[in-house]
Amino acid sequence: MGQMKSSSAIVRSSILVHIQRVALDCGLDPLAILKRTGIPRRYLDNSELTLPVKTIVELLEIGAQSSGIDDFGLRVGEVRGVPDLGPVILMLREAATARDALQTLASLLYLHSNGISMRLEDTATPTFQIELMAADLGPCTQAVDSGLAGMTHVIRWVLGEDWVPVSVSIMHSPPKSNKRFERFFRCPVDFLQDFNGIVLRRRDLDKKLPGAAPALRQQVERYIHSINLARSDTYVYNVTEVITATISRGELNADNIARYLGTDRRTLNRRLSRAGLNYSGVVESVRRNLAGQYLLGDDRPLSDIAGLVGFNDLSSFTRWFHGSFGRPPSQWRKGRS
């Protein structure tokens, strides 16, 4: 009890056909790398099946390592185009503004995958951020790059193919060459950042969309609300999303998180208990995922990482990390490099 099960975070198998295409382009045998992650051949033929997010993350990393191409994930995101988001995608074009469209995407993404979170930070410098939410992912550089490419395709689908971000922020270390990144995103790409996401302009968010068929939006809304969702899974997704967004600000008190969710601490604990979890376990899962991502590469100081995962000092972070991972963060990092 307390630790989220990795199998609870899922994504549709439709991405496999695009991984297959990039693998072939890179001289790999797609079936061989599928076999290494235990994915049956039939998943390539049925896009409606679901897979653990952790398995797709591992598959993308294997593709990059086997091919020696460190922008493998970005290539998958490029060829994939606008992700298959089912009925959610229909609602985006019916939104009044781009802001409404992105907020709709962020709030309904769990219908497509409960292992990926997007959120709009509507500040003076707006950002649209993405997080992978499965437990103990390990290296996920390629999945992040693929997700950012997919996010960019969606925004261009809403705002037009000529749209260009202000910049793109990525948490992991830079690749050997970032030329493909800058060619695809058409803007500066900054690595070793505090979040994975896209920086927009306020005028981008304010842009009015055609929205010529409000009746269609109402039909899709009714359909979405008629879907029989597992309420406990949805609630855990929301809790995880809020913790991920606030952990670096030191707001991990359960009362604070409950307030963000519009409830109280007692209700928060009760609903997590129904899902077989507790609050400290969800925090631990988020913290482990983020720490693992921040520690990839040798460029980010450990003292910075400590603050980003909610610790006031390096010694507290090191004690927690040793207890959680079985060795100090410096040794763990060396083992992953």
Protein backbone atom coordinates (compact mmCIF):
# COMPACT_ATOMS: atom_id res chain seq x y z
CA MET A 1 0.00 0.00 0.00
CA GLY A 2 1.19 3.54 -0.78
CA GLN A 3 3.13 2.95 -4.01
CA MET A 4 1.35 3.40 -7.31
CA LYS A 5 1.42 0.32 -9.46
CA SER A 6 3.25 0.89 -12.71
CA SER A 7 0.62 -1.13 -14.55
CA SER A 8 -2.06 1.42 -13.57
CA ALA A 9 -0.58 4.03 -15.92
CA ILE A 10 -1.52 3.13 -19.48
CA VAL A 11 -1.37 4.46 -23.03
CA ARG A 12 -2.97 3.27 -26.27
CA SER A 13 -0.99 0.94 -28.50
CA SER A 14 -1.51 3.18 -31.55
CA ILE A 15 1.96 4.67 -31.01
CA LEU A 16 3.58 1.31 -31.88
CA VAL A 17 3.08 1.67 -35.63
CA HIS A 18 5.05 4.94 -35.54
CA ILE A 19 7.82 3.41 -33.44
CA GLN A 20 7.93 0.61 -36.02
CA ARG A 21 8.33 3.10 -38.87
CA VAL A 22 11.18 4.99 -37.18
CA ALA A 23 12.88 1.73 -36.18
CA LEU A 24 12.86 0.59 -39.82
CA ASP A 25 14.22 3.96 -40.95
CA CYS A 26 17.04 3.58 -38.41
CA GLY A 27 17.94 0.06 -39.59
CA LEU A 28 16.36 -1.80 -36.66
CA ASP A 29 14.13 -4.87 -36.58
CA PRO A 30 10.90 -3.59 -34.97
CA LEU A 31 9.75 -7.04 -33.89
CA ALA A 32 13.07 -7.66 -32.15
CA ILE A 33 12.81 -4.55 -30.00
CA LEU A 34 9.13 -5.27 -29.27
CA LYS A 35 10.18 -8.71 -28.05
CA ARG A 36 12.75 -7.20 -25.69
CA THR A 37 9.96 -5.34 -23.88
CA GLY A 38 7.55 -8.28 -23.95
CA ILE A 39 5.03 -6.65 -26.33
CA PRO A 40 3.15 -9.26 -28.43
CA ARG A 41 3.06 -8.82 -32.22
CA ARG A 42 -0.74 -8.42 -32.17
CA TYR A 43 -0.41 -5.01 -30.47
CA LEU A 44 0.92 -3.62 -33.74
CA ASP A 45 -2.31 -4.59 -35.48
CA ASN A 46 -4.82 -3.26 -32.95
CA SER A 47 -4.52 0.42 -32.03
CA GLU A 48 -7.27 0.17 -29.40
CA LEU A 49 -5.29 -2.04 -27.02
CA THR A 50 -3.52 -0.46 -24.06
CA LEU A 51 -0.02 -0.88 -22.70
CA PRO A 52 1.74 0.29 -19.53
CA VAL A 53 3.37 3.68 -20.05
CA LYS A 54 6.52 2.19 -18.53
CA THR A 55 6.71 -0.36 -21.38
CA ILE A 56 6.49 2.32 -24.09
CA VAL A 57 9.11 4.41 -22.28
CA GLU A 58 11.43 1.41 -22.20
CA LEU A 59 10.75 0.62 -25.87
CA LEU A 60 11.69 4.14 -26.95
CA GLU A 61 14.91 4.03 -24.91
CA ILE A 62 15.82 0.66 -26.45
CA GLY A 63 15.23 2.13 -29.91
CA ALA A 64 17.59 5.02 -29.20
CA GLN A 65 20.28 2.81 -27.66
CA SER A 66 20.11 0.11 -30.35
CA SER A 67 20.24 2.60 -33.22
CA GLY A 68 22.73 5.00 -31.66
CA ILE A 69 20.32 7.83 -32.55
CA ASP A 70 19.69 10.04 -29.52
CA ASP A 71 16.74 11.88 -31.07
CA PHE A 72 14.83 8.64 -31.72
CA GLY A 73 11.86 9.74 -29.60
CA LEU A 74 11.61 13.08 -31.36
CA ARG A 75 11.51 11.27 -34.71
CA VAL A 76 8.64 9.12 -33.45
CA GLY A 77 6.76 12.25 -32.40
CA GLU A 78 7.42 13.88 -35.76
CA VAL A 79 6.05 11.02 -37.87
CA ARG A 80 3.14 10.41 -35.52
CA GLY A 81 1.63 13.85 -36.17
CA VAL A 82 -1.38 14.83 -34.09
CA PRO A 83 -1.82 12.03 -31.50
CA ASP A 84 -4.93 9.90 -31.66
CA LEU A 85 -6.90 11.44 -28.78
CA GLY A 86 -10.30 10.08 -29.72
CA PRO A 87 -13.31 12.32 -29.00
CA VAL A 88 -11.16 14.81 -27.08
CA ILE A 89 -9.54 16.07 -30.28
CA LEU A 90 -12.96 16.94 -31.70
CA MET A 91 -13.59 19.32 -28.82
CA LEU A 92 -10.43 21.36 -29.33
CA ARG A 93 -11.49 23.00 -32.58
CA GLU A 94 -14.90 23.81 -31.08
CA ALA A 95 -13.36 25.82 -28.23
CA ALA A 96 -13.84 29.60 -28.23
CA THR A 97 -10.11 30.38 -27.87
CA ALA A 98 -6.80 28.55 -27.99
CA ARG A 99 -6.67 28.93 -24.20
CA ASP A 100 -9.97 27.07 -23.88
CA ALA A 101 -8.70 24.37 -26.26
CA LEU A 102 -5.52 23.72 -24.28
CA GLN A 103 -7.41 23.71 -20.98
CA THR A 104 -9.83 21.18 -22.47
CA LEU A 105 -6.93 19.01 -23.59
CA ALA A 106 -5.29 19.18 -20.15
CA SER A 107 -8.50 18.35 -18.31
CA LEU A 108 -9.58 15.44 -20.54
CA LEU A 109 -6.25 13.85 -21.46
CA TYR A 110 -6.87 11.06 -18.94
CA LEU A 111 -9.47 9.68 -21.36
CA HIS A 112 -6.57 8.86 -23.69
CA SER A 113 -3.92 7.98 -21.11
CA ASN A 114 -3.79 8.22 -17.33
CA GLY A 115 0.01 8.05 -17.43
CA ILE A 116 0.53 11.45 -19.08
CA SER A 117 -0.35 14.85 -17.65
CA MET A 118 -0.52 18.20 -19.43
CA ARG A 119 -1.21 21.52 -17.77
CA LEU A 120 -1.45 25.13 -18.86
CA GLU A 121 0.38 27.64 -16.66
CA ASP A 122 -1.52 30.79 -17.65
CA THR A 123 0.93 33.38 -16.33
CA ALA A 124 2.58 36.46 -17.87
CA THR A 125 4.78 34.00 -19.77
CA PRO A 126 2.42 31.06 -20.43
CA THR A 127 3.72 27.51 -20.62
CA PHE A 128 2.06 24.25 -21.62
CA GLN A 129 3.79 21.48 -19.68
CA ILE A 130 3.88 17.69 -19.93
CA GLU A 131 4.71 15.08 -17.29
CA LEU A 132 4.95 11.30 -17.37
CA MET A 133 3.13 10.00 -14.32
CA ALA A 134 3.86 6.26 -14.06
CA ALA A 135 5.83 4.99 -11.09
CA ASP A 136 9.59 4.30 -11.28
CA LEU A 137 9.95 4.96 -14.99
CA GLY A 138 13.72 5.01 -15.19
CA PRO A 139 15.25 6.90 -18.14
CA CYS A 140 12.50 8.56 -20.16
CA THR A 141 14.38 11.01 -22.38
CA GLN A 142 12.91 9.63 -25.60
CA ALA A 143 9.34 9.55 -24.29
CA VAL A 144 9.58 13.18 -23.17
CA ASP A 145 10.85 14.25 -26.60
CA SER A 146 8.11 12.28 -28.35
CA GLY A 147 5.47 13.77 -26.06
CA LEU A 148 6.67 17.32 -26.66
CA ALA A 149 6.54 16.74 -30.42
CA GLY A 150 2.99 15.43 -30.10
CA MET A 151 2.00 18.43 -27.98
CA THR A 152 3.43 20.75 -30.63
CA HIS A 153 1.48 18.98 -33.38
CA VAL A 154 -1.73 19.50 -31.39
CA ILE A 155 -1.08 23.21 -30.84
CA ARG A 156 -0.29 23.69 -34.53
CA TRP A 157 -3.50 21.84 -35.38
CA VAL A 158 -5.35 24.40 -33.26
CA LEU A 159 -3.42 27.57 -34.17
CA GLY A 160 -2.25 26.72 -37.68
CA GLU A 161 0.83 25.04 -39.10
CA ASP A 162 2.74 28.33 -39.21
CA TRP A 163 2.60 28.74 -35.42
CA VAL A 164 5.98 28.90 -33.69
CA PRO A 165 6.61 28.64 -29.92
CA VAL A 166 8.66 31.25 -28.05
CA SER A 167 10.90 28.39 -26.91
CA VAL A 168 10.84 24.78 -25.72
CA SER A 169 12.09 23.72 -22.28
CA ILE A 170 13.36 20.17 -21.66
CA MET A 171 14.56 18.74 -18.36
CA HIS A 172 17.11 16.25 -19.70
CA SER A 173 20.64 16.92 -20.95
CA PRO A 174 21.13 18.09 -24.54
CA PRO A 175 21.70 15.54 -27.32
CA LYS A 176 24.91 15.43 -29.33
CA SER A 177 23.23 17.70 -31.85
CA ASN A 178 20.05 19.72 -31.36
CA LYS A 179 19.63 20.56 -35.05
CA ARG A 180 16.65 18.25 -35.48
CA PHE A 181 15.01 19.74 -32.40
CA GLU A 182 15.36 23.30 -33.67
CA ARG A 183 14.22 22.30 -37.14
CA PHE A 184 11.06 20.66 -35.85
CA PHE A 185 10.13 23.16 -33.13
CA ARG A 186 11.38 26.18 -35.19
CA CYS A 187 12.51 28.02 -32.04
CA PRO A 188 15.24 27.92 -29.37
CA VAL A 189 15.27 24.62 -27.45
CA ASP A 190 16.65 24.89 -23.91
CA PHE A 191 17.82 21.78 -22.06
CA LEU A 192 18.41 21.16 -18.33
CA GLN A 193 15.29 23.17 -17.49
CA ASP A 194 12.92 22.78 -14.54
CA PHE A 195 10.02 21.46 -16.63
CA ASN A 196 9.19 19.81 -19.94
CA GLY A 197 7.00 22.11 -21.97
CA ILE A 198 6.40 24.81 -24.51
CA VAL A 199 6.56 28.55 -23.89
CA LEU A 200 3.77 30.47 -25.62
CA ARG A 201 2.69 34.08 -26.11
CA ARG A 202 -0.43 35.43 -24.43
CA ARG A 203 -1.74 36.42 -27.84
CA ASP A 204 -1.49 32.76 -28.84
CA LEU A 205 -3.85 31.84 -26.01
CA ASP A 206 -6.19 34.74 -26.76
CA LYS A 207 -6.64 33.75 -30.40
CA LYS A 208 -10.29 33.12 -31.25
CA LEU A 209 -11.05 29.84 -32.97
CA PRO A 210 -13.77 29.29 -35.61
CA GLY A 211 -15.88 27.06 -33.34
CA ALA A 212 -18.59 26.85 -35.98
CA ALA A 213 -20.41 23.82 -34.57
CA PRO A 214 -21.34 24.24 -30.88
CA ALA A 215 -23.89 21.44 -31.30
CA LEU A 216 -21.04 19.06 -32.14
CA ARG A 217 -19.20 20.11 -28.99
CA GLN A 218 -22.30 19.42 -26.93
CA GLN A 219 -22.67 15.97 -28.48
CA VAL A 220 -19.05 15.11 -27.78
CA GLU A 221 -19.34 16.45 -24.21
CA ARG A 222 -22.36 14.23 -23.60
CA TYR A 223 -20.49 11.24 -25.00
CA ILE A 224 -17.44 11.92 -22.83
CA HIS A 225 -19.50 12.29 -19.68
CA SER A 226 -21.33 9.04 -20.49
CA ILE A 227 -18.09 7.03 -20.45
CA ASN A 228 -17.89 4.80 -17.42
CA LEU A 229 -14.59 5.89 -15.86
CA ALA A 230 -12.97 4.33 -12.81
CA ARG A 231 -13.49 7.19 -10.37
CA SER A 232 -10.65 6.16 -8.06
CA ASP A 233 -8.16 6.05 -10.97
CA THR A 234 -9.26 9.49 -12.11
CA TYR A 235 -8.89 10.93 -8.61
CA VAL A 236 -5.39 9.46 -8.18
CA TYR A 237 -4.48 10.99 -11.55
CA ASN A 238 -5.66 14.42 -10.36
CA VAL A 239 -3.83 14.15 -7.04
CA THR A 240 -0.62 13.10 -8.79
CA GLU A 241 -0.95 15.98 -11.24
CA VAL A 242 -1.30 18.56 -8.45
CA ILE A 243 1.63 17.15 -6.47
CA THR A 244 3.81 17.19 -9.58
CA ALA A 245 2.91 20.83 -10.22
CA THR A 246 3.59 22.00 -6.66
CA ILE A 247 6.45 19.86 -5.36
CA SER A 248 9.22 22.33 -6.26
CA ARG A 249 7.35 25.10 -4.39
CA GLY A 250 7.45 23.21 -1.10
CA GLU A 251 3.65 22.92 -0.91
CA LEU A 252 3.46 19.19 -0.20
CA ASN A 253 1.39 19.46 2.97
CA ALA A 254 -1.70 17.30 2.43
CA ASP A 255 -3.94 20.18 3.48
CA ASN A 256 -2.51 22.33 0.66
CA ILE A 257 -2.99 19.59 -1.94
CA ALA A 258 -6.54 18.96 -0.74
CA ARG A 259 -7.32 22.67 -1.03
CA TYR A 260 -6.07 22.74 -4.63
CA LEU A 261 -8.46 19.86 -5.33
CA GLY A 262 -11.37 21.69 -3.72
CA THR A 263 -11.69 19.28 -0.80
CA ASP A 264 -10.26 18.64 2.68
CA ARG A 265 -7.49 16.43 3.97
CA ARG A 266 -9.84 13.81 5.37
CA THR A 267 -11.61 13.38 2.03
CA LEU A 268 -8.28 13.28 0.21
CA ASN A 269 -7.03 10.45 2.42
CA ARG A 270 -10.31 8.55 2.24
CA ARG A 271 -10.47 8.61 -1.55
CA LEU A 272 -6.83 7.56 -1.91
CA SER A 273 -7.48 4.73 0.53
CA ARG A 274 -10.29 3.48 -1.71
CA ALA A 275 -7.71 3.15 -4.50
CA GLY A 276 -5.37 1.19 -2.21
CA LEU A 277 -3.01 4.14 -1.74
CA ASN A 278 -2.05 6.73 0.84
CA TYR A 279 -0.91 10.31 0.47
CA SER A 280 2.74 9.77 1.44
CA GLY A 281 2.98 6.92 -1.06
CA VAL A 282 1.76 9.10 -3.93
CA VAL A 283 4.24 11.84 -2.95
CA GLU A 284 7.02 9.24 -2.84
CA SER A 285 6.12 8.00 -6.33
CA VAL A 286 6.12 11.51 -7.81
CA ARG A 287 9.38 12.37 -6.07
CA ARG A 288 11.10 9.20 -7.31
CA ASN A 289 9.98 9.83 -10.89
CA LEU A 290 11.15 13.44 -10.92
CA ALA A 291 14.45 12.71 -9.17
CA GLY A 292 15.21 10.00 -11.71
CA GLN A 293 14.54 12.37 -14.59
CA TYR A 294 16.58 15.23 -13.13
CA LEU A 295 19.57 12.97 -12.41
CA LEU A 296 19.94 11.81 -16.01
CA GLY A 297 23.18 13.31 -17.28
CA ASP A 298 25.92 14.99 -15.25
CA ASP A 299 25.10 18.63 -15.82
CA ARG A 300 22.50 19.50 -13.17
CA PRO A 301 23.89 20.14 -9.64
CA LEU A 302 22.52 17.86 -6.93
CA SER A 303 21.70 20.90 -4.78
CA ASP A 304 19.37 22.16 -7.54
CA ILE A 305 17.70 18.76 -7.85
CA ALA A 306 17.08 18.71 -4.09
CA GLY A 307 15.00 21.87 -4.33
CA LEU A 308 13.14 20.70 -7.42
CA VAL A 309 11.86 17.60 -5.63
CA GLY A 310 10.83 19.46 -2.48
CA PHE A 311 13.83 19.38 -0.13
CA ASN A 312 15.29 22.44 1.61
CA ASP A 313 18.87 21.18 1.57
CA LEU A 314 21.14 18.66 -0.11
CA SER A 315 21.71 16.51 2.98
CA SER A 316 17.98 15.85 3.44
CA PHE A 317 17.66 14.96 -0.24
CA THR A 318 20.67 12.62 -0.07
CA ARG A 319 19.28 10.80 3.00
CA TRP A 320 15.89 10.37 1.34
CA PHE A 321 17.45 9.23 -1.95
CA HIS A 322 19.68 6.65 -0.26
CA GLY A 323 16.69 5.27 1.63
CA SER A 324 14.52 5.16 -1.49
CA PHE A 325 17.02 3.98 -4.12
CA GLY A 326 19.54 2.11 -1.95
CA ARG A 327 22.53 4.32 -2.77
CA PRO A 328 23.51 8.02 -2.83
CA PRO A 329 22.34 10.11 -5.81
CA SER A 330 25.91 10.61 -7.08
CA GLN A 331 26.45 6.85 -7.32
CA TRP A 332 23.04 6.28 -8.89
CA ARG A 333 23.81 8.92 -11.51
CA LYS A 334 27.15 7.31 -12.38
CA GLY A 335 25.43 3.96 -12.82
CA ARG A 336 23.00 5.51 -15.33
CA SER A 337 25.56 7.46 -17.35
